[in-house]
C-alpha cells in the first residue's frame, strides 16, 4: 500500500491540510505508533517532537490494537523514506512523566496515546500550558465500564472556560480543543 493511500485511508490528508492551513511549524505529539500522523505533520512542513512508550517489553496493552512490536522501527523507516527524518525527534518515553518546560510553546499538541480517561486528563492539563491548539484522535474510543476520551474533554472544558471544542463524531473521530484568542 502506498503512503498516499495510507494517509488517505487514515486521517493524514486532513491533518496535513490543517497543519499547512494553520501554518503550524512545531508540533508536540503524544503517541507515535507507526508514524502516520507524524508523517502527515512533517510533510506539511512542521517539525515534530513525538513521544511513545512502545518498547520491546511493552508493545501492546488492552487499550490499543494498532501498536505492534516493531512500530517505532516502522515509523523511523517511514520518516527516512519520505525524507522528513530530520524534521522529527522521536522519543521512546512515557509522556506521563514529561516535565513542563517554562517558556516552551507548541503551535499544536496532538494526543493519540492510550485512550484512557485518566491519561487523557493528564495530557490535556499538560497541553494547556504549552499550546492554544490540542488535537485528539479517537475521541469516541471507549472500553466497556471505563470513562471515555470525550468525557475527559468535557471535564477539561468545564474547568477551563476559555477553551472550546469542535470535532467529528464518526466511528472514533478527531477532536480539536482550542483556546479562544484573548
C-alpha atoms as a PDB file:
ATOM      1  CA  UNK A   1       0.000   0.000   0.000  1.00  0.00           C
ATOM      2  CA  UNK A   2       1.455   3.366  -0.963  1.00  0.00           C
ATOM      3  CA  UNK A   3       1.936   6.051   1.688  1.00  0.00           C
ATOM      4  CA  UNK A   4      -0.522   8.368  -0.056  1.00  0.00           C
ATOM      5  CA  UNK A   5      -3.236   5.681   0.063  1.00  0.00           C
ATOM      6  CA  UNK A   6      -2.378   5.029   3.694  1.00  0.00           C
ATOM      7  CA  UNK A   7      -2.627   8.726   4.502  1.00  0.00           C
ATOM      8  CA  UNK A   8      -5.949   8.999   2.702  1.00  0.00           C
ATOM      9  CA  UNK A   9      -7.350   5.876   4.364  1.00  0.00           C
ATOM     10  CA  UNK A  10      -6.397   7.217   7.758  1.00  0.00           C
ATOM     11  CA  UNK A  11      -6.756  10.915   8.532  1.00  0.00           C
ATOM     12  CA  UNK A  12      -3.351  12.006   7.266  1.00  0.00           C
ATOM     13  CA  UNK A  13      -4.627  14.169   4.427  1.00  0.00           C
ATOM     14  CA  UNK A  14      -6.888  16.289   6.695  1.00  0.00           C
ATOM     15  CA  UNK A  15      -4.089  16.561   9.294  1.00  0.00           C
ATOM     16  CA  UNK A  16      -1.632  17.620   6.610  1.00  0.00           C
ATOM     17  CA  UNK A  17      -4.095  20.193   5.233  1.00  0.00           C
ATOM     18  CA  UNK A  18      -4.931  21.548   8.697  1.00  0.00           C
ATOM     19  CA  UNK A  19      -1.252  21.829   9.627  1.00  0.00           C
ATOM     20  CA  UNK A  20      -0.448  23.676   6.404  1.00  0.00           C
ATOM     21  CA  UNK A  21      -3.569  25.860   6.595  1.00  0.00           C
ATOM     22  CA  UNK A  22      -2.918  26.878  10.203  1.00  0.00           C
ATOM     23  CA  UNK A  23       0.798  27.434   9.437  1.00  0.00           C
ATOM     24  CA  UNK A  24       1.804  25.211  12.358  1.00  0.00           C
ATOM     25  CA  UNK A  25       5.582  24.865  12.362  1.00  0.00           C
ATOM     26  CA  UNK A  26       6.202  22.943  15.591  1.00  0.00           C
ATOM     27  CA  UNK A  27       4.060  20.120  16.921  1.00  0.00           C
ATOM     28  CA  UNK A  28       4.296  18.022  20.054  1.00  0.00           C
ATOM     29  CA  UNK A  29       2.788  14.585  19.526  1.00  0.00           C
ATOM     30  CA  UNK A  30       1.850  12.084  22.228  1.00  0.00           C
ATOM     31  CA  UNK A  31       1.610   8.643  20.617  1.00  0.00           C
ATOM     32  CA  UNK A  32       3.765   7.869  17.574  1.00  0.00           C
ATOM     33  CA  UNK A  33       2.862   4.235  16.902  1.00  0.00           C
ATOM     34  CA  UNK A  34       3.627   3.638  13.219  1.00  0.00           C
ATOM     35  CA  UNK A  35       4.035   7.353  12.494  1.00  0.00           C
ATOM     36  CA  UNK A  36       1.148   8.084  10.114  1.00  0.00           C
ATOM     37  CA  UNK A  37       0.129  11.337  11.805  1.00  0.00           C
ATOM     38  CA  UNK A  38       3.768  12.274  12.427  1.00  0.00           C
ATOM     39  CA  UNK A  39       4.423  11.860   8.712  1.00  0.00           C
ATOM     40  CA  UNK A  40       1.398  13.991   7.794  1.00  0.00           C
ATOM     41  CA  UNK A  41       2.533  16.821  10.083  1.00  0.00           C
ATOM     42  CA  UNK A  42       6.091  16.738   8.758  1.00  0.00           C
ATOM     43  CA  UNK A  43       5.003  16.562   5.099  1.00  0.00           C
ATOM     44  CA  UNK A  44       3.064  19.778   5.769  1.00  0.00           C
ATOM     45  CA  UNK A  45       6.317  21.416   6.842  1.00  0.00           C
ATOM     46  CA  UNK A  46       6.128  21.129  10.626  1.00  0.00           C
ATOM     47  CA  UNK A  47       8.908  19.991  12.917  1.00  0.00           C
ATOM     48  CA  UNK A  48       7.603  17.291  15.268  1.00  0.00           C
ATOM     49  CA  UNK A  49       8.679  16.023  18.656  1.00  0.00           C
ATOM     50  CA  UNK A  50       6.852  12.763  19.216  1.00  0.00           C
ATOM     51  CA  UNK A  51       6.618  10.630  22.349  1.00  0.00           C
ATOM     52  CA  UNK A  52       5.628   6.998  22.568  1.00  0.00           C
ATOM     53  CA  UNK A  53       6.230   4.437  25.274  1.00  0.00           C
ATOM     54  CA  UNK A  54       6.478   1.469  22.891  1.00  0.00           C
ATOM     55  CA  UNK A  55       9.291  -0.773  23.957  1.00  0.00           C
ATOM     56  CA  UNK A  56      10.147  -4.361  23.139  1.00  0.00           C
ATOM     57  CA  UNK A  57       8.845  -5.441  26.558  1.00  0.00           C
ATOM     58  CA  UNK A  58       5.703  -3.275  26.443  1.00  0.00           C
ATOM     59  CA  UNK A  59       4.411  -3.285  22.907  1.00  0.00           C
ATOM     60  CA  UNK A  60       0.722  -3.859  23.411  1.00  0.00           C
ATOM     61  CA  UNK A  61      -1.950  -3.465  26.020  1.00  0.00           C
ATOM     62  CA  UNK A  62      -5.715  -3.905  26.048  1.00  0.00           C
ATOM     63  CA  UNK A  63      -6.382  -0.287  25.118  1.00  0.00           C
ATOM     64  CA  UNK A  64      -4.712  -0.203  21.741  1.00  0.00           C
ATOM     65  CA  UNK A  65      -4.758  -2.738  18.948  1.00  0.00           C
ATOM     66  CA  UNK A  66      -2.776  -0.719  16.424  1.00  0.00           C
ATOM     67  CA  UNK A  67       0.557  -0.866  18.245  1.00  0.00           C
ATOM     68  CA  UNK A  68       2.956  -3.526  17.117  1.00  0.00           C
ATOM     69  CA  UNK A  69       6.256  -4.829  18.365  1.00  0.00           C
ATOM     70  CA  UNK A  70       8.144  -3.083  15.567  1.00  0.00           C
ATOM     71  CA  UNK A  71       6.015   0.070  15.409  1.00  0.00           C
ATOM     72  CA  UNK A  72       8.778   2.529  16.283  1.00  0.00           C
ATOM     73  CA  UNK A  73      11.123   0.918  13.760  1.00  0.00           C
ATOM     74  CA  UNK A  74       8.384   1.072  11.121  1.00  0.00           C
ATOM     75  CA  UNK A  75       7.826   4.757  11.914  1.00  0.00           C
ATOM     76  CA  UNK A  76      11.525   5.596  11.666  1.00  0.00           C
ATOM     77  CA  UNK A  77      11.814   3.796   8.326  1.00  0.00           C
ATOM     78  CA  UNK A  78       8.765   5.695   7.058  1.00  0.00           C
ATOM     79  CA  UNK A  79      10.306   9.037   8.062  1.00  0.00           C
ATOM     80  CA  UNK A  80      13.579   8.198   6.298  1.00  0.00           C
ATOM     81  CA  UNK A  81      11.766   7.002   3.155  1.00  0.00           C
ATOM     82  CA  UNK A  82       9.925  10.325   2.835  1.00  0.00           C
ATOM     83  CA  UNK A  83      12.940  12.477   3.608  1.00  0.00           C
ATOM     84  CA  UNK A  84      11.476  14.000   6.768  1.00  0.00           C
ATOM     85  CA  UNK A  85      13.576  12.166   9.353  1.00  0.00           C
ATOM     86  CA  UNK A  86      15.493  15.393  10.069  1.00  0.00           C
ATOM     87  CA  UNK A  87      12.217  17.151  10.975  1.00  0.00           C
ATOM     88  CA  UNK A  88      11.232  14.608  13.645  1.00  0.00           C
ATOM     89  CA  UNK A  89      12.558  13.914  17.128  1.00  0.00           C
ATOM     90  CA  UNK A  90      11.169  10.564  18.237  1.00  0.00           C
ATOM     91  CA  UNK A  91      11.430   9.878  21.952  1.00  0.00           C
ATOM     92  CA  UNK A  92      10.577   6.493  23.422  1.00  0.00           C
ATOM     93  CA  UNK A  93       9.365   7.522  26.866  1.00  0.00           C
ATOM     94  CA  UNK A  94       6.246   7.760  28.974  1.00  0.00           C
ATOM     95  CA  UNK A  95       4.615  11.148  28.377  1.00  0.00           C
ATOM     96  CA  UNK A  96       3.018  10.984  31.837  1.00  0.00           C
ATOM     97  CA  UNK A  97       6.458  11.843  33.224  1.00  0.00           C
ATOM     98  CA  UNK A  98       7.169  14.731  30.848  1.00  0.00           C
ATOM     99  CA  UNK A  99       8.418  17.817  32.720  1.00  0.00           C
ATOM    100  CA  UNK A 100       6.815  21.159  31.990  1.00  0.00           C
ATOM    101  CA  UNK A 101       9.463  23.378  30.436  1.00  0.00           C
ATOM    102  CA  UNK A 102       8.902  27.050  31.147  1.00  0.00           C
ATOM    103  CA  UNK A 103       8.651  29.194  28.049  1.00  0.00           C
ATOM    104  CA  UNK A 104       8.236  26.293  25.647  1.00  0.00           C
ATOM    105  CA  UNK A 105       5.284  26.800  23.291  1.00  0.00           C
ATOM    106  CA  UNK A 106       3.993  24.494  20.557  1.00  0.00           C
ATOM    107  CA  UNK A 107       1.732  25.501  17.673  1.00  0.00           C
ATOM    108  CA  UNK A 108      -0.232  22.307  18.324  1.00  0.00           C
ATOM    109  CA  UNK A 109      -0.223  19.275  20.611  1.00  0.00           C
ATOM    110  CA  UNK A 110      -1.590  16.043  19.127  1.00  0.00           C
ATOM    111  CA  UNK A 111      -2.820  13.363  21.554  1.00  0.00           C
ATOM    112  CA  UNK A 112      -3.219   9.781  20.347  1.00  0.00           C
ATOM    113  CA  UNK A 113      -1.980   7.530  23.142  1.00  0.00           C
ATOM    114  CA  UNK A 114      -3.751   5.092  25.457  1.00  0.00           C
ATOM    115  CA  UNK A 115      -7.284   6.491  25.067  1.00  0.00           C
ATOM    116  CA  UNK A 116      -7.742   6.078  28.800  1.00  0.00           C
ATOM    117  CA  UNK A 117      -9.659   8.770  30.675  1.00  0.00           C
ATOM    118  CA  UNK A 118      -7.028   9.436  33.366  1.00  0.00           C
ATOM    119  CA  UNK A 119      -4.158   9.536  30.864  1.00  0.00           C
ATOM    120  CA  UNK A 120      -6.079  11.905  28.576  1.00  0.00           C
ATOM    121  CA  UNK A 121      -6.818  14.224  31.524  1.00  0.00           C
ATOM    122  CA  UNK A 122      -3.080  14.400  32.318  1.00  0.00           C
ATOM    123  CA  UNK A 123      -2.225  15.126  28.676  1.00  0.00           C
ATOM    124  CA  UNK A 124      -4.874  17.849  28.387  1.00  0.00           C
ATOM    125  CA  UNK A 125      -3.723  19.516  31.597  1.00  0.00           C
ATOM    126  CA  UNK A 126      -0.104  19.456  30.419  1.00  0.00           C
ATOM    127  CA  UNK A 127      -1.021  20.672  26.936  1.00  0.00           C
ATOM    128  CA  UNK A 128      -2.994  23.722  28.071  1.00  0.00           C
ATOM    129  CA  UNK A 129       0.270  25.138  29.426  1.00  0.00           C
ATOM    130  CA  UNK A 130       2.228  24.811  26.180  1.00  0.00           C
ATOM    131  CA  UNK A 131      -0.232  25.431  23.317  1.00  0.00           C
ATOM    132  CA  UNK A 132      -3.514  27.008  22.232  1.00  0.00           C
ATOM    133  CA  UNK A 133      -4.418  24.061  19.948  1.00  0.00           C
ATOM    134  CA  UNK A 134      -4.913  20.457  21.035  1.00  0.00           C
ATOM    135  CA  UNK A 135      -5.928  17.746  18.579  1.00  0.00           C
ATOM    136  CA  UNK A 136      -7.095  14.392  19.926  1.00  0.00           C
ATOM    137  CA  UNK A 137      -7.612  11.225  17.951  1.00  0.00           C
ATOM    138  CA  UNK A 138     -10.181   8.538  18.746  1.00  0.00           C
ATOM    139  CA  UNK A 139     -12.467  10.783  20.797  1.00  0.00           C
ATOM    140  CA  UNK A 140     -15.202   8.167  20.509  1.00  0.00           C
ATOM    141  CA  UNK A 141     -12.959   5.354  21.750  1.00  0.00           C
ATOM    142  CA  UNK A 142     -14.386   3.510  24.711  1.00  0.00           C
ATOM    143  CA  UNK A 143     -13.716   0.438  26.766  1.00  0.00           C
ATOM    144  CA  UNK A 144     -16.745  -1.067  28.482  1.00  0.00           C
ATOM    145  CA  UNK A 145     -17.011   0.228  32.017  1.00  0.00           C
ATOM    146  CA  UNK A 146     -14.353   2.925  31.574  1.00  0.00           C
ATOM    147  CA  UNK A 147     -14.673   6.681  31.189  1.00  0.00           C
ATOM    148  CA  UNK A 148     -14.013   7.865  27.630  1.00  0.00           C
ATOM    149  CA  UNK A 149     -11.705  10.343  25.938  1.00  0.00           C
ATOM    150  CA  UNK A 150     -14.749  12.512  25.204  1.00  0.00           C
ATOM    151  CA  UNK A 151     -15.616  12.553  28.910  1.00  0.00           C
ATOM    152  CA  UNK A 152     -12.059  13.712  29.638  1.00  0.00           C
ATOM    153  CA  UNK A 153     -12.520  16.515  27.077  1.00  0.00           C
ATOM    154  CA  UNK A 154     -15.875  17.525  28.580  1.00  0.00           C
ATOM    155  CA  UNK A 155     -14.373  17.692  32.078  1.00  0.00           C
ATOM    156  CA  UNK A 156     -11.439  19.720  30.769  1.00  0.00           C
ATOM    157  CA  UNK A 157     -13.791  22.217  29.088  1.00  0.00           C
ATOM    158  CA  UNK A 158     -15.869  22.633  32.276  1.00  0.00           C
ATOM    159  CA  UNK A 159     -12.789  23.506  34.320  1.00  0.00           C
ATOM    160  CA  UNK A 160     -11.168  25.625  31.565  1.00  0.00           C
ATOM    161  CA  UNK A 161     -13.856  28.020  30.249  1.00  0.00           C
ATOM    162  CA  UNK A 162     -11.511  29.787  27.780  1.00  0.00           C
ATOM    163  CA  UNK A 163     -11.142  26.544  25.814  1.00  0.00           C
ATOM    164  CA  UNK A 164     -13.580  25.314  23.148  1.00  0.00           C
ATOM    165  CA  UNK A 165     -14.163  22.100  21.245  1.00  0.00           C
ATOM    166  CA  UNK A 166     -15.019  21.023  17.749  1.00  0.00           C
ATOM    167  CA  UNK A 167     -14.828  17.527  16.415  1.00  0.00           C
ATOM    168  CA  UNK A 168     -16.256  14.834  14.256  1.00  0.00           C
ATOM    169  CA  UNK A 169     -18.170  12.084  15.939  1.00  0.00           C
ATOM    170  CA  UNK A 170     -17.967   9.238  13.465  1.00  0.00           C
ATOM    171  CA  UNK A 171     -16.644   5.809  14.394  1.00  0.00           C
ATOM    172  CA  UNK A 172     -13.825   7.129  16.593  1.00  0.00           C
ATOM    173  CA  UNK A 173     -13.358  10.721  15.475  1.00  0.00           C
ATOM    174  CA  UNK A 174     -10.862  13.535  15.801  1.00  0.00           C
ATOM    175  CA  UNK A 175     -11.423  16.426  18.169  1.00  0.00           C
ATOM    176  CA  UNK A 176      -9.889  19.878  18.274  1.00  0.00           C
ATOM    177  CA  UNK A 177      -9.731  21.700  21.591  1.00  0.00           C
ATOM    178  CA  UNK A 178      -8.573  25.281  21.214  1.00  0.00           C
ATOM    179  CA  UNK A 179      -8.161  28.371  23.314  1.00  0.00           C
ATOM    180  CA  UNK A 180     -10.132  31.349  22.167  1.00  0.00           C
ATOM    181  CA  UNK A 181      -7.945  34.365  21.418  1.00  0.00           C
ATOM    182  CA  UNK A 182      -7.764  36.965  24.131  1.00  0.00           C
END
